[in-house]
Structures are given as C-alpha cells and as structure tokens.
Amino acid sequence: MDDEPHAPSQIRFAQAAPRCGACTRQGFACQSPAMPNGRCRMHGGGSRGPITAEGLARSKTSTRTHGRRSAESIALKRQMRSAFVQLRDMVRATNAELRETEALHRQMLRRLGR
C-alpha cells in the first residue's frame, strides 16, 4: 500500500483541469479548477436566472413570496407596534405614580419625625 493519499494519476488529472482565471481581490488570476461554465464555484458558479421565454414565463407565474411584506404581515406588525407603545406608556404612567407615592410617603415620614 502506498503512503501517498492519492494516486499520482489523480493528482496529475486535478492539476490538468482548466483554471478559473477570474481576477481575485489580490489582483491575481484565480487558480481554482473551473466548472463547465468556465468559472469556479466562487466566481460565477451560481445561476443567473431564466433566459428563455419559457423560463421567464414560468418564473413570472411562480409564487416566490416569503410573506414578510404581505398585507397580513404588515397589519400584524402595526398591531404589535401599537400594543408595544400602549404598554410602554402604561409602564411610564405606573412609574410616575410610584414616584409620586414614594414622595408622599417620604413627606409623611418627615412630618411624623421618623
């Protein structure tokens, strides 16, 4: 058994693969192996969307919505916001009443001499 992790023929085959060649951030050409489209997985391997008329029509009729901006979701967010504002105002009013009560309590204690 060989001590090498891969057979030499596999290494030569990987080294012989065409390279991406896209300009990297360092300004050099990318040396990653290219896919059939001529670029590596980091420089253009993803889809750019439908090109044919059939694909464009299918894309327009598909339901690709996530619901975050639906009318239902917007109404729920408004309800939650108004409930939050009401709750915040109630907490502020309660805190103000509590401060007034504590001030009155301190005044009474002072009058009683305690």
N, C-alpha and C. Protein backbone atom coordinates (compact mmCIF):
# COMPACT_ATOMS: atom_id res chain seq x y z
N MET A 1 0.84 -1.18 0.00
CA MET A 1 0.00 0.00 0.00
C MET A 1 0.89 1.24 0.00
N ASP A 2 0.50 2.26 -0.77
CA ASP A 2 1.27 3.49 -0.86
C ASP A 2 1.04 4.36 0.37
N ASP A 3 2.07 5.13 0.71
CA ASP A 3 1.94 6.11 1.78
C ASP A 3 1.29 7.40 1.28
N GLU A 4 1.18 7.56 -0.04
CA GLU A 4 0.59 8.76 -0.61
C GLU A 4 -0.93 8.72 -0.49
N PRO A 5 -1.57 9.86 -0.21
CA PRO A 5 -3.02 9.87 -0.05
C PRO A 5 -3.77 9.61 -1.35
N HIS A 6 -3.21 10.03 -2.49
CA HIS A 6 -3.88 9.84 -3.77
C HIS A 6 -2.88 9.25 -4.75
N ALA A 7 -3.41 8.56 -5.69
CA ALA A 7 -2.54 8.01 -6.73
C ALA A 7 -1.99 9.14 -7.58
N PRO A 8 -0.78 9.05 -8.08
CA PRO A 8 -0.20 10.12 -8.89
C PRO A 8 -1.04 10.49 -10.10
N SER A 9 -1.75 9.52 -10.68
CA SER A 9 -2.56 9.83 -11.86
C SER A 9 -3.71 10.78 -11.50
N GLN A 10 -4.28 10.62 -10.30
CA GLN A 10 -5.36 11.51 -9.87
C GLN A 10 -4.85 12.92 -9.65
N ILE A 11 -3.67 13.06 -9.09
CA ILE A 11 -3.09 14.37 -8.85
C ILE A 11 -2.82 15.07 -10.17
N ARG A 12 -2.26 14.34 -11.13
CA ARG A 12 -1.98 14.93 -12.43
C ARG A 12 -3.27 15.37 -13.11
N PHE A 13 -4.34 14.56 -12.97
CA PHE A 13 -5.62 14.90 -13.59
C PHE A 13 -6.19 16.18 -12.97
N ALA A 14 -6.10 16.32 -11.63
CA ALA A 14 -6.61 17.51 -10.96
C ALA A 14 -5.80 18.74 -11.36
N GLN A 15 -4.51 18.58 -11.52
CA GLN A 15 -3.67 19.71 -11.90
C GLN A 15 -3.89 20.11 -13.35
N ALA A 16 -4.37 19.18 -14.16
CA ALA A 16 -4.58 19.47 -15.57
C ALA A 16 -5.94 20.13 -15.84
N ALA A 17 -6.78 20.25 -14.82
CA ALA A 17 -8.10 20.85 -15.01
C ALA A 17 -7.95 22.32 -15.40
N PRO A 18 -8.84 22.83 -16.25
CA PRO A 18 -8.77 24.25 -16.61
C PRO A 18 -9.01 25.11 -15.37
N ARG A 19 -8.37 26.27 -15.34
CA ARG A 19 -8.45 27.16 -14.19
C ARG A 19 -9.47 28.27 -14.43
N CYS A 20 -9.97 28.83 -13.35
CA CYS A 20 -11.00 29.86 -13.41
C CYS A 20 -10.48 31.12 -14.11
N GLY A 21 -9.42 31.70 -13.60
CA GLY A 21 -8.83 32.88 -14.22
C GLY A 21 -9.47 34.20 -13.86
N ALA A 22 -10.50 34.20 -13.02
CA ALA A 22 -11.14 35.46 -12.61
C ALA A 22 -10.17 36.26 -11.76
N CYS A 23 -10.30 37.58 -11.79
CA CYS A 23 -9.43 38.45 -11.02
C CYS A 23 -9.85 38.40 -9.55
N THR A 24 -8.92 38.08 -8.66
CA THR A 24 -9.21 38.00 -7.24
C THR A 24 -9.01 39.35 -6.58
N ARG A 25 -9.29 39.44 -5.29
CA ARG A 25 -9.12 40.70 -4.56
C ARG A 25 -7.66 41.13 -4.51
N GLN A 26 -6.77 40.17 -4.55
CA GLN A 26 -5.35 40.49 -4.52
C GLN A 26 -4.83 40.94 -5.89
N GLY A 27 -5.67 40.82 -6.91
CA GLY A 27 -5.28 41.25 -8.24
C GLY A 27 -4.70 40.16 -9.11
N PHE A 28 -4.62 38.94 -8.58
CA PHE A 28 -4.09 37.82 -9.34
C PHE A 28 -5.23 37.02 -9.95
N ALA A 29 -4.89 36.17 -10.91
CA ALA A 29 -5.89 35.30 -11.52
C ALA A 29 -6.20 34.15 -10.58
N CYS A 30 -7.48 33.80 -10.45
CA CYS A 30 -7.90 32.69 -9.60
C CYS A 30 -7.36 31.38 -10.16
N GLN A 31 -6.83 30.54 -9.29
CA GLN A 31 -6.25 29.28 -9.70
C GLN A 31 -7.13 28.08 -9.37
N SER A 32 -8.37 28.32 -8.94
CA SER A 32 -9.28 27.22 -8.63
C SER A 32 -9.72 26.52 -9.91
N PRO A 33 -10.00 25.21 -9.83
CA PRO A 33 -10.48 24.49 -11.02
C PRO A 33 -11.81 25.05 -11.51
N ALA A 34 -11.93 25.18 -12.80
CA ALA A 34 -13.15 25.75 -13.39
C ALA A 34 -14.22 24.68 -13.56
N MET A 35 -15.48 25.12 -13.52
CA MET A 35 -16.61 24.25 -13.81
C MET A 35 -16.89 24.34 -15.30
N PRO A 36 -17.89 23.63 -15.79
CA PRO A 36 -18.17 23.67 -17.23
C PRO A 36 -18.46 25.07 -17.77
N ASN A 37 -18.93 25.99 -16.93
CA ASN A 37 -19.21 27.34 -17.42
C ASN A 37 -17.95 28.19 -17.51
N GLY A 38 -16.79 27.67 -17.11
CA GLY A 38 -15.54 28.38 -17.24
C GLY A 38 -15.09 29.10 -15.98
N ARG A 39 -15.92 29.16 -14.97
CA ARG A 39 -15.56 29.82 -13.71
C ARG A 39 -15.65 28.82 -12.57
N CYS A 40 -14.97 29.16 -11.47
CA CYS A 40 -15.01 28.28 -10.31
C CYS A 40 -16.28 28.53 -9.51
N ARG A 41 -16.46 27.79 -8.45
CA ARG A 41 -17.66 27.91 -7.63
C ARG A 41 -17.75 29.26 -6.93
N MET A 42 -16.62 29.94 -6.76
CA MET A 42 -16.63 31.23 -6.07
C MET A 42 -16.78 32.41 -7.03
N HIS A 43 -16.53 32.20 -8.30
CA HIS A 43 -16.56 33.30 -9.27
C HIS A 43 -17.55 33.05 -10.39
N GLY A 44 -18.78 32.82 -10.07
CA GLY A 44 -19.78 32.74 -11.12
C GLY A 44 -20.36 31.36 -11.34
N GLY A 45 -20.33 30.53 -10.32
CA GLY A 45 -20.89 29.21 -10.48
C GLY A 45 -22.39 29.18 -10.31
N GLY A 46 -22.96 30.24 -9.74
CA GLY A 46 -24.39 30.25 -9.46
C GLY A 46 -25.22 30.59 -10.68
N SER A 47 -26.52 30.37 -10.56
CA SER A 47 -27.44 30.64 -11.65
C SER A 47 -27.66 32.14 -11.80
N ARG A 48 -27.84 32.59 -13.02
CA ARG A 48 -28.15 34.00 -13.27
C ARG A 48 -29.62 34.17 -13.64
N GLY A 49 -30.41 33.16 -13.42
CA GLY A 49 -31.84 33.24 -13.67
C GLY A 49 -32.22 32.70 -15.03
N PRO A 50 -33.52 32.64 -15.30
CA PRO A 50 -34.01 32.11 -16.57
C PRO A 50 -33.66 33.03 -17.75
N ILE A 51 -33.38 32.42 -18.89
CA ILE A 51 -33.01 33.17 -20.09
C ILE A 51 -34.05 32.99 -21.19
N THR A 52 -34.55 31.78 -21.34
CA THR A 52 -35.51 31.51 -22.41
C THR A 52 -36.86 32.12 -22.08
N ALA A 53 -37.67 32.30 -23.10
CA ALA A 53 -39.01 32.88 -22.91
C ALA A 53 -39.85 31.98 -22.03
N GLU A 54 -39.72 30.67 -22.22
CA GLU A 54 -40.47 29.71 -21.42
C GLU A 54 -40.07 29.81 -19.94
N GLY A 55 -38.77 29.91 -19.70
CA GLY A 55 -38.27 30.02 -18.33
C GLY A 55 -38.70 31.32 -17.67
N LEU A 56 -38.68 32.41 -18.42
CA LEU A 56 -39.12 33.69 -17.88
C LEU A 56 -40.61 33.67 -17.54
N ALA A 57 -41.42 33.06 -18.40
CA ALA A 57 -42.86 32.97 -18.14
C ALA A 57 -43.11 32.12 -16.90
N ARG A 58 -42.39 31.02 -16.76
CA ARG A 58 -42.55 30.14 -15.61
C ARG A 58 -42.15 30.89 -14.33
N SER A 59 -41.12 31.70 -14.42
CA SER A 59 -40.65 32.46 -13.26
C SER A 59 -41.67 33.51 -12.84
N LYS A 60 -42.32 34.15 -13.82
CA LYS A 60 -43.30 35.19 -13.51
C LYS A 60 -44.55 34.62 -12.86
N THR A 61 -44.94 33.41 -13.24
CA THR A 61 -46.16 32.83 -12.70
C THR A 61 -45.93 32.08 -11.39
N SER A 62 -44.68 31.82 -11.06
CA SER A 62 -44.42 31.06 -9.83
C SER A 62 -44.65 31.94 -8.61
N THR A 63 -44.91 31.31 -7.50
CA THR A 63 -45.11 32.05 -6.25
C THR A 63 -43.81 31.97 -5.45
N ARG A 64 -43.03 33.00 -5.58
CA ARG A 64 -41.74 33.03 -4.87
C ARG A 64 -41.79 33.99 -3.69
N THR A 65 -42.94 34.19 -3.08
CA THR A 65 -43.05 35.14 -1.99
C THR A 65 -42.74 34.46 -0.66
N HIS A 66 -42.19 35.21 0.26
CA HIS A 66 -41.85 34.68 1.56
C HIS A 66 -42.84 35.13 2.61
N GLY A 67 -43.64 36.16 2.34
CA GLY A 67 -44.68 36.59 3.26
C GLY A 67 -44.29 37.67 4.23
N ARG A 68 -43.03 38.10 4.23
CA ARG A 68 -42.62 39.12 5.19
C ARG A 68 -43.22 40.49 4.87
N ARG A 69 -43.59 40.70 3.63
CA ARG A 69 -44.17 42.00 3.25
C ARG A 69 -45.61 41.86 2.78
N SER A 70 -46.26 40.80 3.17
CA SER A 70 -47.66 40.62 2.78
C SER A 70 -48.52 41.57 3.60
N ALA A 71 -49.72 41.82 3.13
CA ALA A 71 -50.64 42.73 3.83
C ALA A 71 -50.94 42.21 5.23
N GLU A 72 -51.06 40.91 5.35
CA GLU A 72 -51.32 40.28 6.64
C GLU A 72 -50.17 40.56 7.63
N SER A 73 -48.97 40.37 7.14
CA SER A 73 -47.78 40.57 7.98
C SER A 73 -47.62 42.04 8.38
N ILE A 74 -47.86 42.94 7.45
CA ILE A 74 -47.75 44.37 7.75
C ILE A 74 -48.79 44.78 8.79
N ALA A 75 -50.02 44.27 8.66
CA ALA A 75 -51.07 44.59 9.63
C ALA A 75 -50.70 44.05 11.01
N LEU A 76 -50.15 42.86 11.07
CA LEU A 76 -49.73 42.28 12.35
C LEU A 76 -48.62 43.10 12.99
N LYS A 77 -47.66 43.55 12.17
CA LYS A 77 -46.58 44.39 12.70
C LYS A 77 -47.11 45.70 13.25
N ARG A 78 -48.10 46.29 12.59
CA ARG A 78 -48.69 47.54 13.07
C ARG A 78 -49.41 47.32 14.40
N GLN A 79 -50.14 46.21 14.50
CA GLN A 79 -50.82 45.87 15.74
C GLN A 79 -49.82 45.69 16.87
N MET A 80 -48.76 44.97 16.59
CA MET A 80 -47.74 44.73 17.61
C MET A 80 -47.09 46.04 18.05
N ARG A 81 -46.83 46.91 17.11
CA ARG A 81 -46.20 48.19 17.44
C ARG A 81 -47.13 49.04 18.31
N SER A 82 -48.42 49.10 17.96
CA SER A 82 -49.35 49.91 18.76
C SER A 82 -49.51 49.31 20.16
N ALA A 83 -49.52 47.98 20.27
CA ALA A 83 -49.59 47.35 21.58
C ALA A 83 -48.35 47.65 22.40
N PHE A 84 -47.19 47.65 21.75
CA PHE A 84 -45.94 47.98 22.44
C PHE A 84 -45.96 49.42 22.94
N VAL A 85 -46.44 50.35 22.12
CA VAL A 85 -46.49 51.76 22.51
C VAL A 85 -47.44 51.93 23.70
N GLN A 86 -48.60 51.26 23.66
CA GLN A 86 -49.56 51.34 24.77
C GLN A 86 -48.94 50.78 26.05
N LEU A 87 -48.26 49.66 25.94
CA LEU A 87 -47.63 49.05 27.09
C LEU A 87 -46.53 49.94 27.66
N ARG A 88 -45.74 50.55 26.79
CA ARG A 88 -44.68 51.45 27.22
C ARG A 88 -45.27 52.65 27.95
N ASP A 89 -46.35 53.21 27.43
CA ASP A 89 -47.00 54.35 28.07
C ASP A 89 -47.57 53.96 29.44
N MET A 90 -48.13 52.75 29.53
CA MET A 90 -48.66 52.28 30.82
C MET A 90 -47.54 52.13 31.84
N VAL A 91 -46.40 51.60 31.41
CA VAL A 91 -45.27 51.44 32.32
C VAL A 91 -44.77 52.81 32.78
N ARG A 92 -44.67 53.75 31.87
CA ARG A 92 -44.23 55.11 32.24
C ARG A 92 -45.20 55.75 33.24
N ALA A 93 -46.50 55.60 33.00
CA ALA A 93 -47.50 56.17 33.90
C ALA A 93 -47.41 55.50 35.27
N THR A 94 -47.25 54.20 35.31
CA THR A 94 -47.14 53.47 36.57
C THR A 94 -45.89 53.90 37.33
N ASN A 95 -44.79 54.08 36.62
CA ASN A 95 -43.56 54.54 37.27
C ASN A 95 -43.74 55.94 37.83
N ALA A 96 -44.43 56.81 37.10
CA ALA A 96 -44.67 58.18 37.58
C ALA A 96 -45.53 58.14 38.84
N GLU A 97 -46.58 57.31 38.85
CA GLU A 97 -47.44 57.18 40.03
C GLU A 97 -46.64 56.64 41.21
N LEU A 98 -45.78 55.69 40.94
CA LEU A 98 -44.96 55.11 42.00
C LEU A 98 -44.03 56.16 42.60
N ARG A 99 -43.43 56.99 41.76
CA ARG A 99 -42.56 58.06 42.26
C ARG A 99 -43.35 59.05 43.11
N GLU A 100 -44.55 59.40 42.67
CA GLU A 100 -45.39 60.31 43.45
C GLU A 100 -45.75 59.70 44.79
N THR A 101 -46.11 58.43 44.80
CA THR A 101 -46.49 57.75 46.03
C THR A 101 -45.30 57.69 46.99
N GLU A 102 -44.12 57.39 46.46
CA GLU A 102 -42.92 57.34 47.31
C GLU A 102 -42.60 58.73 47.87
N ALA A 103 -42.79 59.77 47.08
CA ALA A 103 -42.55 61.14 47.56
C ALA A 103 -43.52 61.49 48.69
N LEU A 104 -44.81 61.13 48.50
CA LEU A 104 -45.80 61.39 49.55
C LEU A 104 -45.46 60.60 50.81
N HIS A 105 -45.01 59.39 50.65
CA HIS A 105 -44.64 58.54 51.78
C HIS A 105 -43.47 59.17 52.56
N ARG A 106 -42.48 59.67 51.83
CA ARG A 106 -41.34 60.33 52.48
C ARG A 106 -41.79 61.59 53.24
N GLN A 107 -42.69 62.36 52.63
CA GLN A 107 -43.21 63.56 53.29
C GLN A 107 -43.92 63.22 54.58
N MET A 108 -44.73 62.18 54.56
CA MET A 108 -45.47 61.76 55.76
C MET A 108 -44.49 61.32 56.84
N LEU A 109 -43.46 60.59 56.46
CA LEU A 109 -42.47 60.13 57.44
C LEU A 109 -41.75 61.32 58.07
N ARG A 110 -41.42 62.34 57.26
CA ARG A 110 -40.77 63.53 57.77
C ARG A 110 -41.67 64.27 58.77
N ARG A 111 -42.96 64.36 58.43
CA ARG A 111 -43.91 65.04 59.33
C ARG A 111 -44.06 64.30 60.66
N LEU A 112 -44.01 62.97 60.57
CA LEU A 112 -44.15 62.19 61.80
C LEU A 112 -42.85 62.15 62.59
N GLY A 113 -41.77 62.61 61.99
CA GLY A 113 -40.48 62.65 62.66
C GLY A 113 -39.74 61.32 62.63
N ARG A 114 -39.96 60.53 61.70
CA ARG A 114 -39.27 59.24 61.61
C ARG A 114 -38.20 59.25 60.59
